[in-house]
Amino acid sequence: MDEQRKYVRAECSATVELNHPSLAYRELKARDLSDGGMFVILGANIAPPIGTVLKVKIKRYTGVINDEPVAMQVVHHNDGGVGLMFV
């Protein structure tokens, strides 16, 4: 499969807060991050449908990266997680 990414991914150890009116609040781990989005590990959580726009806060061990949640859209499911794209 040819790589079609626009942005370089970087491994990360961030915690991600996901919010959406139809989903319960979730705090999960991000596997990687890029200028275009991130991959979030779901564990036993059910994946939101592709196309769902979530409000996301990203936290590192040093603190919250974004005080205000950013909009991110679910673009794919695989490898036990979801790919999110900044909207």
Protein backbone atom coordinates (compact mmCIF):
# COMPACT_ATOMS: atom_id res chain seq x y z
CA MET A 1 0.00 0.00 0.00
CA ASP A 2 1.38 3.41 -0.96
CA GLU A 3 1.78 5.98 1.81
CA GLN A 4 -0.57 8.91 1.11
CA ARG A 5 -0.04 11.04 4.21
CA LYS A 6 0.40 14.79 3.86
CA TYR A 7 2.01 15.15 7.31
CA VAL A 8 4.78 13.31 9.12
CA ARG A 9 3.57 11.34 12.15
CA ALA A 10 5.37 11.48 15.48
CA GLU A 11 4.92 8.93 18.24
CA CYS A 12 3.47 10.51 21.36
CA SER A 13 2.32 9.62 24.84
CA ALA A 14 -0.52 12.11 25.16
CA THR A 15 -3.83 11.57 26.91
CA VAL A 16 -6.81 12.64 24.84
CA GLU A 17 -10.19 13.77 26.18
CA LEU A 18 -12.97 13.03 23.68
CA ASN A 19 -16.40 14.65 24.00
CA HIS A 20 -19.55 14.32 21.89
CA PRO A 21 -23.22 14.70 22.89
CA SER A 22 -24.08 11.13 21.84
CA LEU A 23 -21.02 9.54 23.49
CA ALA A 24 -19.91 9.33 27.06
CA TYR A 25 -16.85 11.41 27.98
CA ARG A 26 -13.74 9.35 27.25
CA GLU A 27 -10.13 9.78 28.25
CA LEU A 28 -7.86 7.69 25.99
CA LYS A 29 -4.24 7.49 24.85
CA ALA A 30 -2.92 8.82 21.55
CA ARG A 31 -0.43 6.65 19.68
CA ASP A 32 0.82 9.27 17.25
CA LEU A 33 0.24 12.88 16.29
CA SER A 34 0.80 14.99 13.18
CA ASP A 35 -0.14 18.44 11.90
CA GLY A 36 -3.20 16.82 10.30
CA GLY A 37 -4.50 14.70 13.16
CA MET A 38 -3.84 11.78 15.49
CA PHE A 39 -4.47 8.11 16.10
CA VAL A 40 -6.23 7.30 19.37
CA ILE A 41 -6.21 3.84 20.97
CA LEU A 42 -9.74 2.74 21.94
CA GLY A 43 -9.09 -0.26 24.15
CA ALA A 44 -12.49 -1.73 25.08
CA ASN A 45 -14.38 1.42 23.96
CA ILE A 46 -16.69 1.37 20.95
CA ALA A 47 -15.50 3.45 18.00
CA PRO A 48 -17.55 6.51 17.09
CA PRO A 49 -18.90 6.29 13.52
CA ILE A 50 -16.71 7.59 10.69
CA GLY A 51 -17.59 11.22 10.05
CA THR A 52 -18.37 12.01 13.70
CA VAL A 53 -16.93 15.34 14.83
CA LEU A 54 -15.62 15.25 18.40
CA LYS A 55 -14.39 17.97 20.74
CA VAL A 56 -10.85 17.02 21.78
CA LYS A 57 -8.40 18.16 24.46
CA ILE A 58 -4.82 16.90 24.37
CA LYS A 59 -2.83 16.50 27.59
CA ARG A 60 0.80 15.60 28.16
CA TYR A 61 2.51 14.84 31.43
CA THR A 62 3.46 18.54 31.52
CA GLY A 63 -0.19 19.67 31.31
CA VAL A 64 -2.96 20.47 28.86
CA ILE A 65 -1.79 21.41 25.35
CA ASN A 66 -5.04 23.10 24.28
CA ASP A 67 -7.23 24.81 26.92
CA GLU A 68 -10.19 24.97 24.53
CA PRO A 69 -11.29 21.71 22.86
CA VAL A 70 -10.58 21.46 19.14
CA ALA A 71 -12.90 19.86 16.58
CA MET A 72 -11.63 16.58 15.14
CA GLN A 73 -13.40 14.23 12.74
CA VAL A 74 -13.23 10.43 12.83
CA VAL A 75 -11.75 9.42 9.45
CA HIS A 76 -10.94 5.73 9.91
CA HIS A 77 -11.01 2.75 12.27
CA ASN A 78 -8.20 0.17 12.45
CA ASP A 79 -5.55 -1.40 14.67
CA GLY A 80 -7.72 -1.04 17.78
CA GLY A 81 -8.28 2.67 17.45
CA VAL A 82 -9.52 5.61 15.41
CA GLY A 83 -7.84 8.12 13.15
CA LEU A 84 -8.88 11.69 13.90
CA MET A 85 -8.37 14.64 11.56
CA PHE A 86 -8.30 18.28 12.69
CA VAL A 87 -11.34 20.08 11.24
